[in-house]
PDB file of N, CA and C in Angstrom:
ATOM      1  N   LYS A   1      70.275-121.616 122.660  1.00  0.00           N
ATOM      2  CA  LYS A   1      71.419-121.197 123.660  1.00  0.00           C
ATOM      3  C   LYS A   1      72.047-122.448 124.387  1.00  0.00           C
ATOM      4  N   TRP A   2      73.344-122.450 124.371  1.00  0.00           N
ATOM      5  CA  TRP A   2      73.876-123.407 125.100  1.00  0.00           C
ATOM      6  C   TRP A   2      74.595-122.935 126.254  1.00  0.00           C
ATOM      7  N   GLY A   3      74.637-123.648 127.431  1.00  0.00           N
ATOM      8  CA  GLY A   3      75.369-123.503 128.524  1.00  0.00           C
ATOM      9  C   GLY A   3      75.042-122.205 129.342  1.00  0.00           C
ATOM     10  N   SER A   4      75.870-121.885 130.381  1.00  0.00           N
ATOM     11  CA  SER A   4      75.559-120.831 131.121  1.00  0.00           C
ATOM     12  C   SER A   4      76.971-120.410 131.708  1.00  0.00           C
ATOM     13  N   GLU A   5      77.183-119.351 132.342  1.00  0.00           N
ATOM     14  CA  GLU A   5      78.431-118.819 132.884  1.00  0.00           C
ATOM     15  C   GLU A   5      78.721-119.825 134.112  1.00  0.00           C
ATOM     16  N   GLY A   6      80.016-120.282 134.133  1.00  0.00           N
ATOM     17  CA  GLY A   6      80.582-121.071 135.154  1.00  0.00           C
ATOM     18  C   GLY A   6      81.717-121.905 134.773  1.00  0.00           C
ATOM     19  N   SER A   7      82.065-122.966 135.628  1.00  0.00           N
ATOM     20  CA  SER A   7      83.249-123.714 135.326  1.00  0.00           C
ATOM     21  C   SER A   7      82.887-125.146 135.272  1.00  0.00           C
ATOM     22  N   GLY A   8      81.578-125.661 135.274  1.00  0.00           N
ATOM     23  CA  GLY A   8      81.082-126.898 135.312  1.00  0.00           C
ATOM     24  C   GLY A   8      81.106-127.404 133.900  1.00  0.00           C
ATOM     25  N   ASP A   9      80.837-128.768 133.663  1.00  0.00           N
ATOM     26  CA  ASP A   9      80.879-129.249 132.252  1.00  0.00           C
ATOM     27  C   ASP A   9      79.566-128.610 131.567  1.00  0.00           C
ATOM     28  N   GLY A  10      79.859-128.151 130.346  1.00  0.00           N
ATOM     29  CA  GLY A  10      78.920-127.368 129.557  1.00  0.00           C
ATOM     30  C   GLY A  10      78.761-125.944 129.974  1.00  0.00           C
ATOM     31  N   GLN A  11      79.389-125.501 130.870  1.00  0.00           N
ATOM     32  CA  GLN A  11      79.364-123.904 131.273  1.00  0.00           C
ATOM     33  C   GLN A  11      80.667-123.286 130.671  1.00  0.00           C
ATOM     34  N   PHE A  12      80.519-121.976 130.506  1.00  0.00           N
ATOM     35  CA  PHE A  12      81.658-121.222 129.854  1.00  0.00           C
ATOM     36  C   PHE A  12      82.098-120.024 130.783  1.00  0.00           C
ATOM     37  N   ASN A  13      83.445-119.721 130.639  1.00  0.00           N
ATOM     38  CA  ASN A  13      83.860-118.375 131.040  1.00  0.00           C
ATOM     39  C   ASN A  13      84.691-117.848 129.880  1.00  0.00           C
ATOM     40  N   MET A  14      84.151-116.812 129.166  1.00  0.00           N
ATOM     41  CA  MET A  14      84.707-116.366 128.112  1.00  0.00           C
ATOM     42  C   MET A  14      84.940-117.328 126.889  1.00  0.00           C
ATOM     43  N   PRO A  15      83.927-117.918 126.378  1.00  0.00           N
ATOM     44  CA  PRO A  15      84.069-118.674 125.212  1.00  0.00           C
ATOM     45  C   PRO A  15      84.575-117.722 123.994  1.00  0.00           C
ATOM     46  N   SER A  16      85.507-118.260 123.276  1.00  0.00           N
ATOM     47  CA  SER A  16      86.121-117.377 122.310  1.00  0.00           C
ATOM     48  C   SER A  16      86.476-118.017 120.980  1.00  0.00           C
ATOM     49  N   GLY A  17      86.246-119.251 120.809  1.00  0.00           N
ATOM     50  CA  GLY A  17      86.361-119.726 119.399  1.00  0.00           C
ATOM     51  C   GLY A  17      85.664-121.006 119.367  1.00  0.00           C
ATOM     52  N   ILE A  18      85.106-121.484 118.059  1.00  0.00           N
ATOM     53  CA  ILE A  18      84.466-122.623 117.837  1.00  0.00           C
ATOM     54  C   ILE A  18      84.912-123.268 116.495  1.00  0.00           C
ATOM     55  N   ALA A  19      84.747-124.592 116.538  1.00  0.00           N
ATOM     56  CA  ALA A  19      85.017-125.350 115.292  1.00  0.00           C
ATOM     57  C   ALA A  19      83.964-126.482 115.243  1.00  0.00           C
ATOM     58  N   VAL A  20      83.749-126.878 114.072  1.00  0.00           N
ATOM     59  CA  VAL A  20      82.790-128.078 113.882  1.00  0.00           C
ATOM     60  C   VAL A  20      83.656-129.156 113.051  1.00  0.00           C
ATOM     61  N   ASP A  21      83.432-130.417 113.673  1.00  0.00           N
ATOM     62  CA  ASP A  21      84.145-131.529 112.789  1.00  0.00           C
ATOM     63  C   ASP A  21      83.138-132.198 111.765  1.00  0.00           C
ATOM     64  N   ALA A  22      83.635-133.254 111.062  1.00  0.00           N
ATOM     65  CA  ALA A  22      82.881-133.755 109.991  1.00  0.00           C
ATOM     66  C   ALA A  22      81.646-134.520 110.581  1.00  0.00           C
ATOM     67  N   GLN A  23      81.636-134.898 111.689  1.00  0.00           N
ATOM     68  CA  GLN A  23      80.421-135.446 112.453  1.00  0.00           C
ATOM     69  C   GLN A  23      79.417-134.552 112.868  1.00  0.00           C
ATOM     70  N   GLY A  24      79.863-133.240 112.884  1.00  0.00           N
ATOM     71  CA  GLY A  24      78.919-132.137 113.478  1.00  0.00           C
ATOM     72  C   GLY A  24      79.277-131.808 114.963  1.00  0.00           C
ATOM     73  N   ASN A  25      80.133-132.506 115.525  1.00  0.00           N
ATOM     74  CA  ASN A  25      80.505-132.093 116.885  1.00  0.00           C
ATOM     75  C   ASN A  25      81.128-130.779 116.926  1.00  0.00           C
ATOM     76  N   VAL A  26      80.823-130.012 118.058  1.00  0.00           N
ATOM     77  CA  VAL A  26      81.119-128.665 118.055  1.00  0.00           C
ATOM     78  C   VAL A  26      82.246-128.453 119.213  1.00  0.00           C
ATOM     79  N   TYR A  27      83.391-127.852 118.967  1.00  0.00           N
ATOM     80  CA  TYR A  27      84.543-127.618 119.832  1.00  0.00           C
ATOM     81  C   TYR A  27      84.555-126.163 120.217  1.00  0.00           C
ATOM     82  N   VAL A  28      84.549-125.940 121.615  1.00  0.00           N
ATOM     83  CA  VAL A  28      84.558-124.499 121.954  1.00  0.00           C
ATOM     84  C   VAL A  28      85.860-124.240 122.752  1.00  0.00           C
ATOM     85  N   ALA A  29      86.601-123.112 122.464  1.00  0.00           N
ATOM     86  CA  ALA A  29      87.741-122.855 123.150  1.00  0.00           C
ATOM     87  C   ALA A  29      87.053-121.831 124.350  1.00  0.00           C
ATOM     88  N   ASP A  30      87.292-122.454 125.666  1.00  0.00           N
ATOM     89  CA  ASP A  30      86.709-121.778 126.913  1.00  0.00           C
ATOM     90  C   ASP A  30      87.720-121.125 127.502  1.00  0.00           C
ATOM     91  N   ARG A  31      88.042-119.919 127.166  1.00  0.00           N
ATOM     92  CA  ARG A  31      89.232-119.157 127.490  1.00  0.00           C
ATOM     93  C   ARG A  31      89.450-118.973 129.057  1.00  0.00           C
ATOM     94  N   GLY A  32      88.352-118.534 129.688  1.00  0.00           N
ATOM     95  CA  GLY A  32      88.560-118.256 131.111  1.00  0.00           C
ATOM     96  C   GLY A  32      88.659-119.651 131.908  1.00  0.00           C
ATOM     97  N   ASN A  33      88.277-120.763 131.315  1.00  0.00           N
ATOM     98  CA  ASN A  33      88.519-121.981 132.193  1.00  0.00           C
ATOM     99  C   ASN A  33      89.507-122.800 131.749  1.00  0.00           C
ATOM    100  N   TYR A  34      90.325-122.361 130.678  1.00  0.00           N
ATOM    101  CA  TYR A  34      91.630-122.865 130.379  1.00  0.00           C
ATOM    102  C   TYR A  34      91.456-124.369 129.675  1.00  0.00           C
ATOM    103  N   ARG A  35      90.397-124.412 128.737  1.00  0.00           N
ATOM    104  CA  ARG A  35      90.085-125.728 128.237  1.00  0.00           C
ATOM    105  C   ARG A  35      89.347-125.701 126.905  1.00  0.00           C
ATOM    106  N   ILE A  36      89.294-126.744 126.264  1.00  0.00           N
ATOM    107  CA  ILE A  36      88.393-127.090 125.171  1.00  0.00           C
ATOM    108  C   ILE A  36      87.250-127.987 125.722  1.00  0.00           C
ATOM    109  N   GLN A  37      86.050-127.656 125.133  1.00  0.00           N
ATOM    110  CA  GLN A  37      84.844-128.509 125.515  1.00  0.00           C
ATOM    111  C   GLN A  37      84.278-128.910 124.116  1.00  0.00           C
ATOM    112  N   GLU A  38      83.824-130.236 124.188  1.00  0.00           N
ATOM    113  CA  GLU A  38      83.245-130.749 122.998  1.00  0.00           C
ATOM    114  C   GLU A  38      81.883-131.035 123.214  1.00  0.00           C
ATOM    115  N   PHE A  39      80.971-130.792 122.131  1.00  0.00           N
ATOM    116  CA  PHE A  39      79.460-131.044 122.368  1.00  0.00           C
ATOM    117  C   PHE A  39      79.091-131.686 120.994  1.00  0.00           C
ATOM    118  N   THR A  40      77.880-132.353 121.228  1.00  0.00           N
ATOM    119  CA  THR A  40      77.195-132.706 120.003  1.00  0.00           C
ATOM    120  C   THR A  40      76.611-131.580 119.207  1.00  0.00           C
ATOM    121  N   SER A  41      76.115-131.848 118.067  1.00  0.00           N
ATOM    122  CA  SER A  41      75.434-130.719 117.247  1.00  0.00           C
ATOM    123  C   SER A  41      74.175-130.187 117.947  1.00  0.00           C
ATOM    124  N   THR A  42      73.576-130.853 118.839  1.00  0.00           N
ATOM    125  CA  THR A  42      72.523-130.414 119.505  1.00  0.00           C
ATOM    126  C   THR A  42      72.855-129.766 120.939  1.00  0.00           C
ATOM    127  N   GLY A  43      74.092-129.752 121.222  1.00  0.00           N
ATOM    128  CA  GLY A  43      74.428-129.100 122.398  1.00  0.00           C
ATOM    129  C   GLY A  43      74.720-129.811 123.593  1.00  0.00           C
ATOM    130  N   LYS A  44      74.692-131.311 123.481  1.00  0.00           N
ATOM    131  CA  LYS A  44      74.863-132.137 124.532  1.00  0.00           C
ATOM    132  C   LYS A  44      76.441-132.135 124.860  1.00  0.00           C
ATOM    133  N   PHE A  45      76.742-131.922 126.169  1.00  0.00           N
ATOM    134  CA  PHE A  45      78.211-132.026 126.446  1.00  0.00           C
ATOM    135  C   PHE A  45      78.730-133.402 126.228  1.00  0.00           C
ATOM    136  N   LEU A  46      79.984-133.539 125.677  1.00  0.00           N
ATOM    137  CA  LEU A  46      80.618-134.737 125.494  1.00  0.00           C
ATOM    138  C   LEU A  46      81.942-134.982 126.253  1.00  0.00           C
ATOM    139  N   THR A  47      82.754-134.075 126.207  1.00  0.00           N
ATOM    140  CA  THR A  47      84.073-134.122 126.975  1.00  0.00           C
ATOM    141  C   THR A  47      84.768-132.821 126.998  1.00  0.00           C
ATOM    142  N   LYS A  48      85.810-132.630 127.797  1.00  0.00           N
ATOM    143  CA  LYS A  48      86.621-131.481 127.932  1.00  0.00           C
ATOM    144  C   LYS A  48      87.977-131.911 128.221  1.00  0.00           C
ATOM    145  N   TRP A  49      89.077-130.988 127.828  1.00  0.00           N
ATOM    146  CA  TRP A  49      90.462-131.387 128.103  1.00  0.00           C
ATOM    147  C   TRP A  49      91.072-129.850 128.271  1.00  0.00           C
ATOM    148  N   GLY A  50      92.134-129.969 128.971  1.00  0.00           N
ATOM    149  CA  GLY A  50      92.924-128.785 129.421  1.00  0.00           C
ATOM    150  C   GLY A  50      93.084-128.536 130.866  1.00  0.00           C
ATOM    151  N   SER A  51      94.031-127.596 131.172  1.00  0.00           N
ATOM    152  CA  SER A  51      94.113-126.992 132.336  1.00  0.00           C
ATOM    153  C   SER A  51      95.026-125.830 132.237  1.00  0.00           C
ATOM    154  N   GLU A  52      95.096-125.066 133.359  1.00  0.00           N
ATOM    155  CA  GLU A  52      95.898-123.795 133.231  1.00  0.00           C
ATOM    156  C   GLU A  52      97.414-124.158 133.262  1.00  0.00           C
ATOM    157  N   GLY A  53      98.242-123.526 132.365  1.00  0.00           N
ATOM    158  CA  GLY A  53      99.498-123.745 132.329  1.00  0.00           C
ATOM    159  C   GLY A  53     100.126-123.573 130.984  1.00  0.00           C
ATOM    160  N   SER A  54     101.489-123.897 130.903  1.00  0.00           N
ATOM    161  CA  SER A  54     102.195-123.725 129.601  1.00  0.00           C
ATOM    162  C   SER A  54     102.615-125.033 128.997  1.00  0.00           C
ATOM    163  N   GLY A  55     102.352-126.181 129.643  1.00  0.00           N
ATOM    164  CA  GLY A  55     102.860-127.478 129.130  1.00  0.00           C
ATOM    165  C   GLY A  55     101.888-128.106 128.110  1.00  0.00           C
ATOM    166  N   ASP A  56     102.348-129.257 127.669  1.00  0.00           N
ATOM    167  CA  ASP A  56     101.438-129.923 126.753  1.00  0.00           C
ATOM    168  C   ASP A  56     100.070-130.179 127.250  1.00  0.00           C
ATOM    169  N   GLY A  57      98.982-129.893 126.420  1.00  0.00           N
ATOM    170  CA  GLY A  57      97.757-130.030 126.867  1.00  0.00           C
ATOM    171  C   GLY A  57      97.161-129.076 127.944  1.00  0.00           C
ATOM    172  N   GLN A  58      98.069-128.038 128.153  1.00  0.00           N
ATOM    173  CA  GLN A  58      97.490-126.941 129.120  1.00  0.00           C
ATOM    174  C   GLN A  58      97.392-125.474 128.304  1.00  0.00           C
ATOM    175  N   PHE A  59      96.580-124.596 128.801  1.00  0.00           N
ATOM    176  CA  PHE A  59      96.351-123.464 128.200  1.00  0.00           C
ATOM    177  C   PHE A  59      96.391-122.361 129.108  1.00  0.00           C
ATOM    178  N   ASN A  60      96.760-121.201 128.572  1.00  0.00           N
ATOM    179  CA  ASN A  60      96.762-119.884 129.459  1.00  0.00           C
ATOM    180  C   ASN A  60      95.593-119.007 129.064  1.00  0.00           C
ATOM    181  N   SER A  61      95.247-119.055 127.677  1.00  0.00           N
ATOM    182  CA  SER A  61      94.175-118.239 127.166  1.00  0.00           C
ATOM    183  C   SER A  61      93.741-118.807 125.818  1.00  0.00           C
ATOM    184  N   PRO A  62      93.187-120.038 125.692  1.00  0.00           N
ATOM    185  CA  PRO A  62      92.892-120.594 124.406  1.00  0.00           C
ATOM    186  C   PRO A  62      91.768-119.698 123.762  1.00  0.00           C
ATOM    187  N   PHE A  63      92.107-119.342 122.480  1.00  0.00           N
ATOM    188  CA  PHE A  63      91.094-118.462 121.767  1.00  0.00           C
ATOM    189  C   PHE A  63      90.749-118.986 120.384  1.00  0.00           C
ATOM    190  N   GLY A  64      91.447-119.929 119.827  1.00  0.00           N
ATOM    191  CA  GLY A  64      91.195-120.359 118.478  1.00  0.00           C
ATOM    192  C   GLY A  64      91.226-121.741 118.462  1.00  0.00           C
ATOM    193  N   VAL A  65      90.262-122.438 117.788  1.00  0.00           N
ATOM    194  CA  VAL A  65      90.228-123.913 117.663  1.00  0.00           C
ATOM    195  C   VAL A  65      89.694-124.206 116.220  1.00  0.00           C
ATOM    196  N   ALA A  66      90.531-125.220 115.843  1.00  0.00           N
ATOM    197  CA  ALA A  66      90.117-125.744 114.407  1.00  0.00           C
ATOM    198  C   ALA A  66      90.223-127.248 114.316  1.00  0.00           C
ATOM    199  N   VAL A  67      89.468-127.921 113.375  1.00  0.00           N
ATOM    200  CA  VAL A  67      89.383-129.277 113.214  1.00  0.00           C
ATOM    201  C   VAL A  67      89.749-129.578 111.785  1.00  0.00           C
ATOM    202  N   ASP A  68      90.643-130.515 111.602  1.00  0.00           N
ATOM    203  CA  ASP A  68      90.893-130.918 110.098  1.00  0.00           C
ATOM    204  C   ASP A  68      89.876-131.962 109.651  1.00  0.00           C
ATOM    205  N   GLY A  69      90.206-132.365 108.348  1.00  0.00           N
ATOM    206  CA  GLY A  69      89.329-133.382 107.782  1.00  0.00           C
ATOM    207  C   GLY A  69      89.427-134.821 108.374  1.00  0.00           C
ATOM    208  N   VAL A  70      90.502-135.122 109.064  1.00  0.00           N
ATOM    209  CA  VAL A  70      90.508-136.404 109.863  1.00  0.00           C
ATOM    210  C   VAL A  70      90.112-136.263 111.412  1.00  0.00           C
ATOM    211  N   GLY A  71      89.914-135.091 111.896  1.00  0.00           N
ATOM    212  CA  GLY A  71      89.537-134.932 113.173  1.00  0.00           C
ATOM    213  C   GLY A  71      90.553-134.544 114.186  1.00  0.00           C
ATOM    214  N   ASN A  72      91.781-134.242 113.714  1.00  0.00           N
ATOM    215  CA  ASN A  72      92.821-133.512 114.503  1.00  0.00           C
ATOM    216  C   ASN A  72      92.326-132.263 115.024  1.00  0.00           C
ATOM    217  N   VAL A  73      92.402-131.953 116.231  1.00  0.00           N
ATOM    218  CA  VAL A  73      91.910-130.647 116.809  1.00  0.00           C
ATOM    219  C   VAL A  73      93.274-129.716 116.964  1.00  0.00           C
ATOM    220  N   TYR A  74      93.246-128.467 116.567  1.00  0.00           N
ATOM    221  CA  TYR A  74      94.228-127.556 116.725  1.00  0.00           C
ATOM    222  C   TYR A  74      93.836-126.329 117.608  1.00  0.00           C
ATOM    223  N   VAL A  75      94.759-125.975 118.612  1.00  0.00           N
ATOM    224  CA  VAL A  75      94.323-124.897 119.469  1.00  0.00           C
ATOM    225  C   VAL A  75      95.323-123.936 119.489  1.00  0.00           C
ATOM    226  N   ALA A  76      95.020-122.580 119.274  1.00  0.00           N
ATOM    227  CA  ALA A  76      95.904-121.524 119.370  1.00  0.00           C
ATOM    228  C   ALA A  76      95.573-120.795 120.821  1.00  0.00           C
ATOM    229  N   ASP A  77      96.723-120.499 121.476  1.00  0.00           N
ATOM    230  CA  ASP A  77      96.521-119.880 122.855  1.00  0.00           C
ATOM    231  C   ASP A  77      97.215-118.438 122.811  1.00  0.00           C
ATOM    232  N   PHE A  78      96.447-117.570 123.197  1.00  0.00           N
ATOM    233  CA  PHE A  78      96.804-116.071 123.149  1.00  0.00           C
ATOM    234  C   PHE A  78      98.136-115.783 123.780  1.00  0.00           C
ATOM    235  N   ASP A  79      98.337-116.458 125.123  1.00  0.00           N
ATOM    236  CA  ASP A  79      99.474-116.303 125.965  1.00  0.00           C
ATOM    237  C   ASP A  79     100.550-117.389 125.901  1.00  0.00           C
ATOM    238  N   THR A  80     100.487-118.236 124.890  1.00  0.00           N
ATOM    239  CA  THR A  80     101.492-119.232 124.793  1.00  0.00           C
ATOM    240  C   THR A  80     101.825-119.441 123.296  1.00  0.00           C
ATOM    241  N   PRO A  81     103.233-119.369 122.994  1.00  0.00           N
ATOM    242  CA  PRO A  81     103.414-119.310 121.573  1.00  0.00           C
ATOM    243  C   PRO A  81     103.274-120.725 120.975  1.00  0.00           C
ATOM    244  N   GLY A  82     103.000-120.809 119.690  1.00  0.00           N
ATOM    245  CA  GLY A  82     102.621-122.062 118.884  1.00  0.00           C
ATOM    246  C   GLY A  82     101.270-122.582 119.027  1.00  0.00           C
ATOM    247  N   ILE A  83     101.021-123.584 118.281  1.00  0.00           N
ATOM    248  CA  ILE A  83      99.713-124.312 118.125  1.00  0.00           C
ATOM    249  C   ILE A  83      99.874-125.668 118.749  1.00  0.00           C
ATOM    250  N   GLN A  84      98.958-126.075 119.554  1.00  0.00           N
ATOM    251  CA  GLN A  84      98.832-127.494 119.930  1.00  0.00           C
ATOM    252  C   GLN A  84      97.880-128.208 119.112  1.00  0.00           C
ATOM    253  N   LYS A  85      98.439-129.522 118.757  1.00  0.00           N
ATOM    254  CA  LYS A  85      97.519-130.463 118.017  1.00  0.00           C
ATOM    255  C   LYS A  85      97.148-131.638 118.803  1.00  0.00           C
ATOM    256  N   PHE A  86      95.857-131.958 118.769  1.00  0.00           N
ATOM    257  CA  PHE A  86      95.379-133.162 119.555  1.00  0.00           C
ATOM    258  C   PHE A  86      94.964-134.136 118.608  1.00  0.00           C
ATOM    259  N   GLY A  87      95.272-135.376 118.601  1.00  0.00           N
ATOM    260  CA  GLY A  87      95.130-136.346 117.685  1.00  0.00           C
ATOM    261  C   GLY A  87      93.719-136.913 117.679  1.00  0.00           C
ATOM    262  N   VAL A  88      93.269-137.555 116.595  1.00  0.00           N
ATOM    263  CA  VAL A  88      92.090-138.086 116.320  1.00  0.00           C
ATOM    264  C   VAL A  88      91.810-139.143 117.458  1.00  0.00           C
ATOM    265  N   LYS A  89      90.589-139.021 117.939  1.00  0.00           N
ATOM    266  CA  LYS A  89      90.058-139.986 118.932  1.00  0.00           C
ATOM    267  C   LYS A  89      89.811-141.376 118.471  1.00  0.00           C
ATOM    268  N   PRO A  90      90.178-142.317 119.199  1.00  0.00           N
ATOM    269  CA  PRO A  90      90.119-143.703 118.842  1.00  0.00           C
ATOM    270  C   PRO A  90      88.785-144.098 118.480  1.00  0.00           C
TER     271      PRO A  90
END
């Protein structure tokens, strides 16, 4: 089991979608905290991004996350039209 309820790094408030990249890193749509969190395959927290809102890089209710073959991350937000794409990390 990973994490606990809350808003800190590695904590969740209504996790609602997960995806795994080619390196085994796990991305979680953390709906109630308006963010995406990234973890290693063993559950170690790596990073997070997002905040509440409707602008680029913001979410109102992220619920779906996917990763393509080159590492781009795609996020669907229940309350915001469209899909946001986040580029490959350097």
